Protein backbone atom coordinates (compact mmCIF):
# COMPACT_ATOMS: atom_id res chain seq x y z
CA MET A 1 -7.38 -1.17 -1.73
CA ALA A 2 -6.65 -2.11 -5.35
CA LYS A 3 -3.52 0.06 -5.27
CA LEU A 4 -2.27 -1.75 -2.16
CA VAL A 5 -2.84 -5.16 -3.77
CA LEU A 6 -1.07 -4.05 -6.93
CA VAL A 7 1.91 -2.66 -5.02
CA SER A 8 2.18 -5.87 -2.96
CA LEU A 9 1.95 -8.03 -6.06
CA HIS A 10 4.62 -6.27 -8.03
CA ARG A 11 6.89 -6.04 -4.98
CA TYR A 12 6.67 -9.82 -4.89
CA GLN A 13 7.43 -9.96 -8.63
CA ARG A 14 10.38 -7.62 -8.16
CA ARG A 15 11.76 -9.69 -5.29
CA LEU A 16 11.43 -12.84 -7.40
CA ALA A 17 13.21 -11.18 -10.34
CA VAL A 18 16.02 -9.84 -8.11
CA ASP A 19 16.52 -13.32 -6.64
CA GLU A 20 16.72 -14.75 -10.18
CA ILE A 21 19.29 -12.12 -11.15
CA GLU A 22 21.48 -13.07 -8.19
CA SER A 23 21.07 -16.78 -8.90
CA LEU A 24 22.03 -16.29 -12.56
CA LYS A 25 25.07 -14.20 -11.61
CA GLN A 26 26.25 -16.87 -9.16
CA SER A 27 25.68 -19.67 -11.66
CA ARG A 28 27.60 -17.85 -14.39
CA ARG A 29 30.43 -17.07 -11.97
CA VAL A 30 30.79 -20.74 -10.99
CA GLY A 31 30.56 -21.90 -14.61
CA SER A 32 33.19 -19.43 -15.77
CA THR A 33 35.51 -20.44 -12.94
CA ILE A 34 35.18 -24.13 -13.81
CA ALA A 35 35.89 -23.45 -17.49
CA ASP A 36 38.93 -21.31 -16.59
CA ILE A 37 40.31 -24.03 -14.32
CA LEU A 38 39.87 -26.64 -17.07
CA TYR A 39 41.67 -24.45 -19.61
CA MET A 40 44.53 -23.77 -17.20
CA LEU A 41 44.75 -27.48 -16.43
CA GLY A 42 44.94 -28.19 -20.16
CA VAL A 43 47.75 -25.66 -20.56
CA ALA A 44 49.67 -27.08 -17.58
CA LEU A 45 49.29 -30.64 -18.86
CA THR A 46 50.42 -29.59 -22.34
CA VAL A 47 53.56 -27.98 -20.90
CA CYS A 48 54.11 -31.09 -18.78
CA ALA A 49 53.75 -33.37 -21.82
CA LEU A 50 56.24 -31.26 -23.80
CA THR A 51 58.66 -31.30 -20.89
CA VAL A 52 58.43 -35.09 -20.53
CA THR A 53 58.86 -35.56 -24.28
CA VAL A 54 62.00 -33.40 -24.36
CA ALA A 55 63.53 -34.35 -20.99
CA VAL A 56 62.73 -38.09 -21.01
CA PRO A 57 62.41 -39.25 -24.63
CA ALA A 58 62.02 -42.87 -23.51
CA ALA A 59 58.78 -42.05 -21.61
CA VAL A 60 56.63 -41.95 -24.75
CA THR A 61 53.69 -43.70 -23.10
CA LEU A 62 53.66 -41.24 -20.19
CA ALA A 63 53.83 -38.27 -22.59
CA ARG A 64 50.90 -39.66 -24.59
CA TRP A 65 48.78 -40.08 -21.44
CA ILE A 66 49.55 -36.53 -20.37
CA ASP A 67 48.67 -35.34 -23.90
CA PHE A 68 45.39 -37.25 -23.67
CA LEU A 69 44.56 -35.65 -20.31
CA ALA A 70 45.40 -32.18 -21.68
CA VAL A 71 43.11 -32.64 -24.68
CA ALA A 72 40.40 -34.03 -22.38
CA ALA A 73 40.64 -30.93 -20.14
CA PHE A 74 40.32 -28.64 -23.18
CA VAL A 75 37.36 -30.61 -24.56
CA VAL A 76 35.50 -30.62 -21.21
CA GLY A 77 36.17 -26.87 -20.84
CA LEU A 78 34.82 -26.28 -24.33
CA LEU A 79 31.72 -28.37 -23.63
CA LYS A 80 31.14 -26.37 -20.43
CA ALA A 81 31.40 -23.11 -22.41
CA ILE A 82 28.96 -24.41 -25.04
CA MET A 83 26.42 -25.45 -22.41
CA ASP A 84 26.76 -22.11 -20.62
CA ASN A 85 26.20 -20.29 -23.90
CA ALA A 86 23.07 -22.35 -24.56
CA SER A 87 21.60 -21.83 -21.09
CA LEU A 88 20.23 -18.34 -21.83
CA GLY A 89 21.69 -17.15 -18.50
CA GLU A 90 23.00 -13.82 -19.75
CA ILE A 91 19.87 -13.08 -21.79
CA SER A 92 17.67 -13.99 -18.83
CA GLN A 93 19.65 -11.76 -16.50
CA VAL A 94 19.25 -8.74 -18.81
CA ARG A 95 15.54 -9.50 -19.17
CA TYR A 96 15.05 -9.64 -15.39
CA GLU A 97 17.07 -6.44 -14.89
CA ASP A 98 14.85 -4.60 -17.38
CA TYR A 99 11.77 -6.00 -15.65
CA VAL A 100 12.94 -4.82 -12.22
CA ARG A 101 13.82 -1.37 -13.60
CA THR A 102 10.32 -0.98 -15.07
CA LEU A 103 8.66 -2.12 -11.84
CA ASN A 104 10.73 0.44 -9.92
CA GLU A 105 9.62 3.15 -12.35
CA CYS A 106 5.99 2.11 -11.82
CA ASP A 107 6.50 2.31 -8.04
CA GLU A 108 7.84 5.84 -8.40
CA GLU A 109 4.91 6.78 -10.61
CA LEU A 110 2.38 5.35 -8.13
CA ALA A 111 4.04 7.29 -5.29
CA GLN A 112 3.43 10.59 -7.06
CA GLU A 113 0.37 12.52 -6.13
CA GLY A 114 -2.32 12.26 -8.80
CA ALA A 115 -0.84 9.13 -10.35
CA ASN A 116 -3.08 7.59 -13.00
CA PHE A 117 -3.67 4.18 -11.42
CA PRO A 118 -5.25 2.47 -14.46
CA ASN A 119 -2.35 3.58 -16.68
CA VAL A 120 0.21 2.22 -14.22
CA VAL A 121 -1.68 -1.09 -14.05
CA ARG A 122 -1.64 -1.32 -17.85
CA ARG A 123 2.08 -0.55 -17.91
CA ILE A 124 2.80 -3.28 -15.36
CA GLU A 125 0.68 -5.76 -17.33
CA ARG A 126 2.46 -4.83 -20.59
CA THR A 127 5.80 -5.22 -18.83
CA ALA A 128 4.90 -8.69 -17.53
CA LEU A 129 3.62 -9.80 -20.92
CA GLY A 130 6.65 -8.31 -22.64
CA GLU A 131 8.96 -10.21 -20.30
CA LEU A 132 7.10 -13.43 -21.09
CA ALA A 133 7.35 -12.74 -24.84
CA GLN A 134 11.10 -12.11 -24.55
CA PHE A 135 11.49 -15.38 -22.64
CA CYS A 136 9.64 -17.30 -25.36
CA GLN A 137 11.68 -15.68 -28.14
CA ALA A 138 14.95 -16.48 -26.34
CA ALA A 139 13.87 -20.09 -25.83
CA LEU A 140 13.22 -20.40 -29.57
CA ARG A 141 16.71 -19.10 -30.38
CA ILE A 142 18.59 -21.39 -28.00
CA SER A 143 21.61 -22.90 -29.69
CA TYR A 144 24.25 -25.39 -28.64
CA ARG A 145 26.68 -24.09 -31.24
CA LEU A 146 29.39 -21.53 -30.54
């Protein structure tokens, strides 16, 4: 009975970790796409400003506005990259992947005939506590600097 409860519990933990991994991947994908679009917009606006400056020298005000928008796009893209770096997304994803891998190994061990149930329980507990410790250490190291 205890083995069944343990297997059910860590299957739930695994499912939760896998869902977090997918969520983190999706979030990072969207964030990277937004930053890339902002950088490309900045480049396009810079080219546009140079073109206006060379082709229509009298349109100084227009060229300055385009320059301003280009710099704004670069700054917003940079801020997005800084916030993504500070979010711990990549570190969290690796931590969850390690956690899932260990739970899968424990499942395989439990499926073997003559598995040492108390040892597997201790390994799962150490894994859960280790994951929590890694989370706390990562949270202490969070930085908003590049």
